[in-house]
PDB file of N, CA and C in Angstrom:
ATOM      1  N   MET A   1       0.845  -1.190   0.000  1.00  0.00           N
ATOM      2  CA  MET A   1       0.000   0.000   0.000  1.00  0.00           C
ATOM      3  C   MET A   1       0.877   1.235   0.000  1.00  0.00           C
ATOM      4  N   GLU A   2       0.495   2.171  -0.809  1.00  0.00           N
ATOM      5  CA  GLU A   2       1.225   3.427  -0.893  1.00  0.00           C
ATOM      6  C   GLU A   2       0.905   4.330   0.281  1.00  0.00           C
ATOM      7  N   ILE A   3       1.675   5.369   0.397  1.00  0.00           N
ATOM      8  CA  ILE A   3       1.434   6.388   1.412  1.00  0.00           C
ATOM      9  C   ILE A   3       0.200   7.189   1.004  1.00  0.00           C
ATOM     10  N   THR A   4      -0.677   7.450   1.965  1.00  0.00           N
ATOM     11  CA  THR A   4      -1.856   8.270   1.704  1.00  0.00           C
ATOM     12  C   THR A   4      -1.835   9.484   2.625  1.00  0.00           C
ATOM     13  N   SER A   5      -2.435  10.543   2.155  1.00  0.00           N
ATOM     14  CA  SER A   5      -2.529  11.739   2.999  1.00  0.00           C
ATOM     15  C   SER A   5      -3.947  12.280   2.936  1.00  0.00           C
ATOM     16  N   SER A   6      -4.346  12.903   4.024  1.00  0.00           N
ATOM     17  CA  SER A   6      -5.676  13.497   4.114  1.00  0.00           C
ATOM     18  C   SER A   6      -5.594  14.709   5.029  1.00  0.00           C
ATOM     19  N   PHE A   7      -6.653  15.481   5.034  1.00  0.00           N
ATOM     20  CA  PHE A   7      -6.689  16.683   5.856  1.00  0.00           C
ATOM     21  C   PHE A   7      -7.778  16.564   6.906  1.00  0.00           C
ATOM     22  N   GLU A   8      -7.482  17.075   8.083  1.00  0.00           N
ATOM     23  CA  GLU A   8      -8.441  17.117   9.185  1.00  0.00           C
ATOM     24  C   GLU A   8      -8.442  18.521   9.767  1.00  0.00           C
ATOM     25  N   ASN A   9      -9.349  18.746  10.721  1.00  0.00           N
ATOM     26  CA  ASN A   9      -9.392  20.013  11.440  1.00  0.00           C
ATOM     27  C   ASN A   9      -9.549  21.189  10.474  1.00  0.00           C
ATOM     28  N   GLN A  10     -10.498  21.081   9.569  1.00  0.00           N
ATOM     29  CA  GLN A  10     -10.801  22.095   8.560  1.00  0.00           C
ATOM     30  C   GLN A  10      -9.579  22.471   7.723  1.00  0.00           C
ATOM     31  N   GLY A  11      -8.800  21.457   7.354  1.00  0.00           N
ATOM     32  CA  GLY A  11      -7.649  21.666   6.489  1.00  0.00           C
ATOM     33  C   GLY A  11      -6.397  22.142   7.195  1.00  0.00           C
ATOM     34  N   LYS A  12      -6.408  22.224   8.511  1.00  0.00           N
ATOM     35  CA  LYS A  12      -5.246  22.719   9.247  1.00  0.00           C
ATOM     36  C   LYS A  12      -4.254  21.610   9.604  1.00  0.00           C
ATOM     37  N   THR A  13      -4.699  20.358   9.544  1.00  0.00           N
ATOM     38  CA  THR A  13      -3.840  19.225   9.884  1.00  0.00           C
ATOM     39  C   THR A  13      -3.706  18.298   8.685  1.00  0.00           C
ATOM     40  N   LEU A  14      -2.469  18.039   8.289  1.00  0.00           N
ATOM     41  CA  LEU A  14      -2.184  17.052   7.256  1.00  0.00           C
ATOM     42  C   LEU A  14      -1.857  15.743   7.961  1.00  0.00           C
ATOM     43  N   VAL A  15      -2.580  14.678   7.625  1.00  0.00           N
ATOM     44  CA  VAL A  15      -2.339  13.349   8.198  1.00  0.00           C
ATOM     45  C   VAL A  15      -1.715  12.485   7.103  1.00  0.00           C
ATOM     46  N   ILE A  16      -0.527  11.963   7.393  1.00  0.00           N
ATOM     47  CA  ILE A  16       0.177  11.096   6.447  1.00  0.00           C
ATOM     48  C   ILE A  16       0.184   9.675   7.014  1.00  0.00           C
ATOM     49  N   ASP A  17      -0.431   8.747   6.297  1.00  0.00           N
ATOM     50  CA  ASP A  17      -0.468   7.337   6.678  1.00  0.00           C
ATOM     51  C   ASP A  17       0.577   6.625   5.821  1.00  0.00           C
ATOM     52  N   VAL A  18       1.597   6.073   6.471  1.00  0.00           N
ATOM     53  CA  VAL A  18       2.709   5.485   5.723  1.00  0.00           C
ATOM     54  C   VAL A  18       2.519   4.012   5.364  1.00  0.00           C
ATOM     55  N   GLY A  19       1.480   3.379   5.856  1.00  0.00           N
ATOM     56  CA  GLY A  19       1.221   1.986   5.503  1.00  0.00           C
ATOM     57  C   GLY A  19       2.012   1.009   6.348  1.00  0.00           C
ATOM     58  N   ALA A  20       2.100  -0.247   5.899  1.00  0.00           N
ATOM     59  CA  ALA A  20       2.676  -1.339   6.692  1.00  0.00           C
ATOM     60  C   ALA A  20       4.198  -1.278   6.792  1.00  0.00           C
ATOM     61  N   LYS A  21       4.870  -0.856   5.725  1.00  0.00           N
ATOM     62  CA  LYS A  21       6.336  -0.767   5.734  1.00  0.00           C
ATOM     63  C   LYS A  21       6.738   0.682   5.499  1.00  0.00           C
ATOM     64  N   PHE A  22       7.585   1.195   6.379  1.00  0.00           N
ATOM     65  CA  PHE A  22       8.108   2.550   6.240  1.00  0.00           C
ATOM     66  C   PHE A  22       9.618   2.410   6.072  1.00  0.00           C
ATOM     67  N   ASP A  23      10.047   2.352   4.798  1.00  0.00           N
ATOM     68  CA  ASP A  23      11.455   2.143   4.508  1.00  0.00           C
ATOM     69  C   ASP A  23      11.864   2.949   3.277  1.00  0.00           C
ATOM     70  N   PHE A  24      13.070   2.706   2.792  1.00  0.00           N
ATOM     71  CA  PHE A  24      13.631   3.503   1.701  1.00  0.00           C
ATOM     72  C   PHE A  24      12.755   3.521   0.451  1.00  0.00           C
ATOM     73  N   SER A  25      11.987   2.485   0.226  1.00  0.00           N
ATOM     74  CA  SER A  25      11.138   2.429  -0.968  1.00  0.00           C
ATOM     75  C   SER A  25      10.049   3.508  -0.954  1.00  0.00           C
ATOM     76  N   LYS A  26       9.834   4.133   0.194  1.00  0.00           N
ATOM     77  CA  LYS A  26       8.773   5.141   0.327  1.00  0.00           C
ATOM     78  C   LYS A  26       9.290   6.588   0.273  1.00  0.00           C
ATOM     79  N   VAL A  27      10.578   6.779  -0.009  1.00  0.00           N
ATOM     80  CA  VAL A  27      11.169   8.123   0.041  1.00  0.00           C
ATOM     81  C   VAL A  27      10.388   9.118  -0.808  1.00  0.00           C
ATOM     82  N   GLU A  28      10.210   8.823  -2.067  1.00  0.00           N
ATOM     83  CA  GLU A  28       9.566   9.768  -2.970  1.00  0.00           C
ATOM     84  C   GLU A  28       8.102   9.997  -2.603  1.00  0.00           C
ATOM     85  N   ALA A  29       7.379   8.936  -2.306  1.00  0.00           N
ATOM     86  CA  ALA A  29       5.962   9.065  -1.949  1.00  0.00           C
ATOM     87  C   ALA A  29       5.790   9.864  -0.662  1.00  0.00           C
ATOM     88  N   PHE A  30       6.673   9.649   0.313  1.00  0.00           N
ATOM     89  CA  PHE A  30       6.578  10.388   1.567  1.00  0.00           C
ATOM     90  C   PHE A  30       6.844  11.872   1.325  1.00  0.00           C
ATOM     91  N   ARG A  31       7.875  12.177   0.554  1.00  0.00           N
ATOM     92  CA  ARG A  31       8.190  13.574   0.234  1.00  0.00           C
ATOM     93  C   ARG A  31       7.024  14.233  -0.508  1.00  0.00           C
ATOM     94  N   ASN A  32       6.429  13.517  -1.432  1.00  0.00           N
ATOM     95  CA  ASN A  32       5.304  14.072  -2.191  1.00  0.00           C
ATOM     96  C   ASN A  32       4.095  14.355  -1.303  1.00  0.00           C
ATOM     97  N   ALA A  33       3.952  13.619  -0.204  1.00  0.00           N
ATOM     98  CA  ALA A  33       2.797  13.793   0.686  1.00  0.00           C
ATOM     99  C   ALA A  33       2.777  15.160   1.352  1.00  0.00           C
ATOM    100  N   TYR A  34       3.936  15.771   1.564  1.00  0.00           N
ATOM    101  CA  TYR A  34       3.982  17.071   2.241  1.00  0.00           C
ATOM    102  C   TYR A  34       4.610  18.188   1.403  1.00  0.00           C
ATOM    103  N   SER A  35       5.041  17.896   0.194  1.00  0.00           N
ATOM    104  CA  SER A  35       5.817  18.875  -0.578  1.00  0.00           C
ATOM    105  C   SER A  35       5.020  20.092  -1.045  1.00  0.00           C
ATOM    106  N   ASP A  36       3.738  19.963  -1.230  1.00  0.00           N
ATOM    107  CA  ASP A  36       2.946  21.084  -1.750  1.00  0.00           C
ATOM    108  C   ASP A  36       1.867  21.471  -0.742  1.00  0.00           C
ATOM    109  N   LEU A  37       2.314  21.883   0.446  1.00  0.00           N
ATOM    110  CA  LEU A  37       1.386  22.191   1.530  1.00  0.00           C
ATOM    111  C   LEU A  37       0.678  23.520   1.326  1.00  0.00           C
ATOM    112  N   ASP A  38      -0.602  23.515   1.597  1.00  0.00           N
ATOM    113  CA  ASP A  38      -1.382  24.735   1.599  1.00  0.00           C
ATOM    114  C   ASP A  38      -0.926  25.601   2.774  1.00  0.00           C
ATOM    115  N   SER A  39      -1.037  26.902   2.644  1.00  0.00           N
ATOM    116  CA  SER A  39      -0.538  27.817   3.682  1.00  0.00           C
ATOM    117  C   SER A  39      -1.320  27.731   4.989  1.00  0.00           C
ATOM    118  N   ASN A  40      -2.557  27.204   4.972  1.00  0.00           N
ATOM    119  CA  ASN A  40      -3.323  27.138   6.225  1.00  0.00           C
ATOM    120  C   ASN A  40      -3.019  25.889   7.053  1.00  0.00           C
ATOM    121  N   VAL A  41      -2.164  24.973   6.562  1.00  0.00           N
ATOM    122  CA  VAL A  41      -1.775  23.801   7.345  1.00  0.00           C
ATOM    123  C   VAL A  41      -0.818  24.245   8.449  1.00  0.00           C
ATOM    124  N   SER A  42      -1.137  23.869   9.682  1.00  0.00           N
ATOM    125  CA  SER A  42      -0.289  24.243  10.812  1.00  0.00           C
ATOM    126  C   SER A  42       0.257  23.028  11.574  1.00  0.00           C
ATOM    127  N   HIS A  43      -0.213  21.837  11.219  1.00  0.00           N
ATOM    128  CA  HIS A  43       0.231  20.633  11.919  1.00  0.00           C
ATOM    129  C   HIS A  43       0.327  19.464  10.939  1.00  0.00           C
ATOM    130  N   ILE A  44       1.370  18.659  11.106  1.00  0.00           N
ATOM    131  CA  ILE A  44       1.513  17.436  10.320  1.00  0.00           C
ATOM    132  C   ILE A  44       1.549  16.258  11.284  1.00  0.00           C
ATOM    133  N   SER A  45       0.656  15.313  11.056  1.00  0.00           N
ATOM    134  CA  SER A  45       0.572  14.103  11.862  1.00  0.00           C
ATOM    135  C   SER A  45       0.958  12.912  10.996  1.00  0.00           C
ATOM    136  N   VAL A  46       1.953  12.144  11.451  1.00  0.00           N
ATOM    137  CA  VAL A  46       2.355  10.930  10.749  1.00  0.00           C
ATOM    138  C   VAL A  46       1.706   9.756  11.482  1.00  0.00           C
ATOM    139  N   ASP A  47       0.786   9.080  10.791  1.00  0.00           N
ATOM    140  CA  ASP A  47       0.024   7.976  11.380  1.00  0.00           C
ATOM    141  C   ASP A  47       0.744   6.653  11.120  1.00  0.00           C
ATOM    142  N   LEU A  48       1.180   6.020  12.195  1.00  0.00           N
ATOM    143  CA  LEU A  48       1.889   4.742  12.083  1.00  0.00           C
ATOM    144  C   LEU A  48       1.038   3.568  12.558  1.00  0.00           C
ATOM    145  N   SER A  49      -0.267   3.727  12.563  1.00  0.00           N
ATOM    146  CA  SER A  49      -1.151   2.676  13.091  1.00  0.00           C
ATOM    147  C   SER A  49      -1.048   1.362  12.323  1.00  0.00           C
ATOM    148  N   ARG A  50      -0.729   1.413  11.043  1.00  0.00           N
ATOM    149  CA  ARG A  50      -0.621   0.192  10.241  1.00  0.00           C
ATOM    150  C   ARG A  50       0.825  -0.236  10.024  1.00  0.00           C
ATOM    151  N   THR A  51       1.776   0.522  10.553  1.00  0.00           N
ATOM    152  CA  THR A  51       3.192   0.285  10.286  1.00  0.00           C
ATOM    153  C   THR A  51       3.736  -0.831  11.180  1.00  0.00           C
ATOM    154  N   GLU A  52       4.197  -1.891  10.521  1.00  0.00           N
ATOM    155  CA  GLU A  52       4.773  -3.034  11.223  1.00  0.00           C
ATOM    156  C   GLU A  52       6.292  -3.053  11.140  1.00  0.00           C
ATOM    157  N   TYR A  53       6.837  -2.355  10.141  1.00  0.00           N
ATOM    158  CA  TYR A  53       8.279  -2.344   9.925  1.00  0.00           C
ATOM    159  C   TYR A  53       8.726  -0.929   9.607  1.00  0.00           C
ATOM    160  N   MET A  54       9.821  -0.517  10.243  1.00  0.00           N
ATOM    161  CA  MET A  54      10.369   0.818  10.038  1.00  0.00           C
ATOM    162  C   MET A  54      11.880   0.697  10.146  1.00  0.00           C
ATOM    163  N   ASP A  55      12.615   1.263   9.183  1.00  0.00           N
ATOM    164  CA  ASP A  55      14.073   1.186   9.261  1.00  0.00           C
ATOM    165  C   ASP A  55      14.681   2.573   9.448  1.00  0.00           C
ATOM    166  N   SER A  56      15.998   2.644   9.433  1.00  0.00           N
ATOM    167  CA  SER A  56      16.682   3.913   9.692  1.00  0.00           C
ATOM    168  C   SER A  56      16.397   4.957   8.618  1.00  0.00           C
ATOM    169  N   SER A  57      16.127   4.540   7.401  1.00  0.00           N
ATOM    170  CA  SER A  57      15.817   5.523   6.364  1.00  0.00           C
ATOM    171  C   SER A  57      14.487   6.219   6.660  1.00  0.00           C
ATOM    172  N   ALA A  58      13.565   5.535   7.325  1.00  0.00           N
ATOM    173  CA  ALA A  58      12.298   6.159   7.723  1.00  0.00           C
ATOM    174  C   ALA A  58      12.560   7.267   8.740  1.00  0.00           C
ATOM    175  N   LEU A  59      13.480   7.024   9.669  1.00  0.00           N
ATOM    176  CA  LEU A  59      13.843   8.057  10.633  1.00  0.00           C
ATOM    177  C   LEU A  59      14.421   9.272   9.899  1.00  0.00           C
ATOM    178  N   GLY A  60      15.262   9.002   8.923  1.00  0.00           N
ATOM    179  CA  GLY A  60      15.831  10.084   8.117  1.00  0.00           C
ATOM    180  C   GLY A  60      14.770  10.856   7.360  1.00  0.00           C
ATOM    181  N   MET A  61      13.774  10.159   6.836  1.00  0.00           N
ATOM    182  CA  MET A  61      12.689  10.841   6.107  1.00  0.00           C
ATOM    183  C   MET A  61      11.913  11.776   7.022  1.00  0.00           C
ATOM    184  N   LEU A  62      11.683  11.345   8.257  1.00  0.00           N
ATOM    185  CA  LEU A  62      10.970  12.196   9.215  1.00  0.00           C
ATOM    186  C   LEU A  62      11.781  13.461   9.511  1.00  0.00           C
ATOM    187  N   LEU A  63      13.078  13.292   9.716  1.00  0.00           N
ATOM    188  CA  LEU A  63      13.928  14.459   9.977  1.00  0.00           C
ATOM    189  C   LEU A  63      14.032  15.367   8.762  1.00  0.00           C
ATOM    190  N   ASN A  64      14.128  14.776   7.571  1.00  0.00           N
ATOM    191  CA  ASN A  64      14.185  15.583   6.347  1.00  0.00           C
ATOM    192  C   ASN A  64      12.905  16.379   6.142  1.00  0.00           C
ATOM    193  N   MET A  65      11.772  15.810   6.530  1.00  0.00           N
ATOM    194  CA  MET A  65      10.509  16.542   6.425  1.00  0.00           C
ATOM    195  C   MET A  65      10.588  17.811   7.271  1.00  0.00           C
ATOM    196  N   GLN A  66      11.017  17.677   8.503  1.00  0.00           N
ATOM    197  CA  GLN A  66      11.136  18.849   9.374  1.00  0.00           C
ATOM    198  C   GLN A  66      12.127  19.858   8.804  1.00  0.00           C
ATOM    199  N   LYS A  67      13.238  19.372   8.304  1.00  0.00           N
ATOM    200  CA  LYS A  67      14.276  20.249   7.763  1.00  0.00           C
ATOM    201  C   LYS A  67      13.773  21.008   6.541  1.00  0.00           C
ATOM    202  N   SER A  68      13.075  20.314   5.643  1.00  0.00           N
ATOM    203  CA  SER A  68      12.615  20.966   4.417  1.00  0.00           C
ATOM    204  C   SER A  68      11.474  21.956   4.666  1.00  0.00           C
ATOM    205  N   LEU A  69      10.767  21.800   5.795  1.00  0.00           N
ATOM    206  CA  LEU A  69       9.662  22.698   6.117  1.00  0.00           C
ATOM    207  C   LEU A  69      10.028  23.669   7.252  1.00  0.00           C
ATOM    208  N   ALA A  70      11.316  23.809   7.530  1.00  0.00           N
ATOM    209  CA  ALA A  70      11.779  24.601   8.671  1.00  0.00           C
ATOM    210  C   ALA A  70      11.345  26.070   8.604  1.00  0.00           C
ATOM    211  N   GLY A  71      11.108  26.589   7.431  1.00  0.00           N
ATOM    212  CA  GLY A  71      10.718  27.988   7.302  1.00  0.00           C
ATOM    213  C   GLY A  71       9.264  28.263   7.645  1.00  0.00           C
ATOM    214  N   ARG A  72       8.512  27.233   7.945  1.00  0.00           N
ATOM    215  CA  ARG A  72       7.082  27.373   8.235  1.00  0.00           C
ATOM    216  C   ARG A  72       6.796  27.132   9.705  1.00  0.00           C
ATOM    217  N   GLU A  73       5.731  27.760  10.177  1.00  0.00           N
ATOM    218  CA  GLU A  73       5.274  27.560  11.561  1.00  0.00           C
ATOM    219  C   GLU A  73       4.434  26.290  11.610  1.00  0.00           C
ATOM    220  N   LEU A  74       5.078  25.158  11.873  1.00  0.00           N
ATOM    221  CA  LEU A  74       4.377  23.876  11.892  1.00  0.00           C
ATOM    222  C   LEU A  74       4.701  23.109  13.165  1.00  0.00           C
ATOM    223  N   SER A  75       3.745  22.337  13.634  1.00  0.00           N
ATOM    224  CA  SER A  75       3.995  21.376  14.702  1.00  0.00           C
ATOM    225  C   SER A  75       3.870  19.985  14.083  1.00  0.00           C
ATOM    226  N   TYR A  76       4.499  19.010  14.726  1.00  0.00           N
ATOM    227  CA  TYR A  76       4.553  17.655  14.185  1.00  0.00           C
ATOM    228  C   TYR A  76       4.205  16.642  15.258  1.00  0.00           C
ATOM    229  N   SER A  77       3.524  15.587  14.851  1.00  0.00           N
ATOM    230  CA  SER A  77       3.276  14.482  15.770  1.00  0.00           C
ATOM    231  C   SER A  77       3.410  13.157  15.024  1.00  0.00           C
ATOM    232  N   ILE A  78       3.779  12.144  15.792  1.00  0.00           N
ATOM    233  CA  ILE A  78       3.794  10.767  15.303  1.00  0.00           C
ATOM    234  C   ILE A  78       2.769  10.041  16.154  1.00  0.00           C
ATOM    235  N   GLU A  79       1.793   9.426  15.501  1.00  0.00           N
ATOM    236  CA  GLU A  79       0.666   8.882  16.242  1.00  0.00           C
ATOM    237  C   GLU A  79       0.437   7.399  15.969  1.00  0.00           C
ATOM    238  N   ASN A  80      -0.106   6.732  16.981  1.00  0.00           N
ATOM    239  CA  ASN A  80      -0.587   5.344  16.885  1.00  0.00           C
ATOM    240  C   ASN A  80       0.490   4.319  16.554  1.00  0.00           C
ATOM    241  N   ALA A  81       1.717   4.564  16.995  1.00  0.00           N
ATOM    242  CA  ALA A  81       2.795   3.609  16.707  1.00  0.00           C
ATOM    243  C   ALA A  81       2.588   2.311  17.488  1.00  0.00           C
ATOM    244  N   ARG A  82       2.774   1.205  16.814  1.00  0.00           N
ATOM    245  CA  ARG A  82       2.724  -0.106  17.461  1.00  0.00           C
ATOM    246  C   ARG A  82       3.936  -0.238  18.376  1.00  0.00           C
ATOM    247  N   PRO A  83       3.886  -1.134  19.353  1.00  0.00           N
ATOM    248  CA  PRO A  83       4.971  -1.227  20.342  1.00  0.00           C
ATOM    249  C   PRO A  83       6.379  -1.358  19.748  1.00  0.00           C
ATOM    250  N   GLN A  84       6.550  -2.206  18.734  1.00  0.00           N
ATOM    251  CA  GLN A  84       7.893  -2.397  18.179  1.00  0.00           C
ATOM    252  C   GLN A  84       8.395  -1.142  17.462  1.00  0.00           C
ATOM    253  N   VAL A  85       7.499  -0.395  16.839  1.00  0.00           N
ATOM    254  CA  VAL A  85       7.872   0.847  16.168  1.00  0.00           C
ATOM    255  C   VAL A  85       8.080   1.953  17.203  1.00  0.00           C
ATOM    256  N   ALA A  86       7.249   1.981  18.210  1.00  0.00           N
ATOM    257  CA  ALA A  86       7.398   2.977  19.280  1.00  0.00           C
ATOM    258  C   ALA A  86       8.754   2.829  19.966  1.00  0.00           C
ATOM    259  N   LYS A  87       9.222   1.592  20.105  1.00  0.00           N
ATOM    260  CA  LYS A  87      10.518   1.351  20.737  1.00  0.00           C
ATOM    261  C   LYS A  87      11.652   1.942  19.892  1.00  0.00           C
ATOM    262  N   ILE A  88      11.572   1.794  18.582  1.00  0.00           N
ATOM    263  CA  ILE A  88      12.571   2.393  17.684  1.00  0.00           C
ATOM    264  C   ILE A  88      12.584   3.912  17.851  1.00  0.00           C
ATOM    265  N   LEU A  89      11.402   4.511  17.901  1.00  0.00           N
ATOM    266  CA  LEU A  89      11.308   5.962  18.071  1.00  0.00           C
ATOM    267  C   LEU A  89      11.880   6.405  19.416  1.00  0.00           C
ATOM    268  N   GLN A  90      11.610   5.625  20.439  1.00  0.00           N
ATOM    269  CA  GLN A  90      12.098   5.951  21.779  1.00  0.00           C
ATOM    270  C   GLN A  90      13.624   5.837  21.847  1.00  0.00           C
ATOM    271  N   ILE A  91      14.181   4.749  21.336  1.00  0.00           N
ATOM    272  CA  ILE A  91      15.633   4.548  21.347  1.00  0.00           C
ATOM    273  C   ILE A  91      16.336   5.648  20.551  1.00  0.00           C
ATOM    274  N   SER A  92      15.703   6.085  19.466  1.00  0.00           N
ATOM    275  CA  SER A  92      16.271   7.131  18.608  1.00  0.00           C
ATOM    276  C   SER A  92      16.009   8.540  19.141  1.00  0.00           C
ATOM    277  N   ARG A  93      15.326   8.627  20.269  1.00  0.00           N
ATOM    278  CA  ARG A  93      15.025   9.894  20.946  1.00  0.00           C
ATOM    279  C   ARG A  93      14.192  10.854  20.082  1.00  0.00           C
ATOM    280  N   PHE A  94      13.296  10.289  19.310  1.00  0.00           N
ATOM    281  CA  PHE A  94      12.436  11.106  18.454  1.00  0.00           C
ATOM    282  C   PHE A  94      11.384  11.871  19.252  1.00  0.00           C
ATOM    283  N   ASP A  95      11.224  11.511  20.524  1.00  0.00           N
ATOM    284  CA  ASP A  95      10.295  12.259  21.365  1.00  0.00           C
ATOM    285  C   ASP A  95      10.809  13.677  21.628  1.00  0.00           C
ATOM    286  N   LYS A  96      12.071  13.945  21.307  1.00  0.00           N
ATOM    287  CA  LYS A  96      12.647  15.294  21.443  1.00  0.00           C
ATOM    288  C   LYS A  96      12.285  16.184  20.253  1.00  0.00           C
ATOM    289  N   LYS A  97      11.968  15.577  19.109  1.00  0.00           N
ATOM    290  CA  LYS A  97      11.652  16.336  17.906  1.00  0.00           C
ATOM    291  C   LYS A  97      10.192  16.285  17.497  1.00  0.00           C
ATOM    292  N   PHE A  98       9.473  15.256  17.969  1.00  0.00           N
ATOM    293  CA  PHE A  98       8.082  15.051  17.599  1.00  0.00           C
ATOM    294  C   PHE A  98       7.251  14.818  18.854  1.00  0.00           C
ATOM    295  N   ASP A  99       5.999  15.228  18.790  1.00  0.00           N
ATOM    296  CA  ASP A  99       5.041  14.864  19.832  1.00  0.00           C
ATOM    297  C   ASP A  99       4.582  13.458  19.497  1.00  0.00           C
ATOM    298  N   ILE A 100       4.912  12.491  20.329  1.00  0.00           N
ATOM    299  CA  ILE A 100       4.555  11.097  20.051  1.00  0.00           C
ATOM    300  C   ILE A 100       3.343  10.733  20.872  1.00  0.00           C
ATOM    301  N   LYS A 101       2.269  10.344  20.172  1.00  0.00           N
ATOM    302  CA  LYS A 101       0.989  10.033  20.817  1.00  0.00           C
ATOM    303  C   LYS A 101       0.626   8.593  20.612  1.00  0.00           C
TER     304      LYS A 101
END
């Protein structure tokens, strides 16, 4: 399954669902999910509810997203991570850069 994106909160929140595998094969699709953001978006939520596998390139993609959007007033969250994925995020100290829910 490809990465899907949708809007919530009257278009102010972009939700990116990365699917079952979040790895290097998703680089372009992940970048495309946030590359053309409307100016009224103020929050990006990455939904990991279906993600069973995540590698180091996925961590890099998350950081690159923040870096490429650094000029904008945005908040970020990573939501619904399964225990094995949440552990990767915790070990990598991503709770310092993202609100993990």
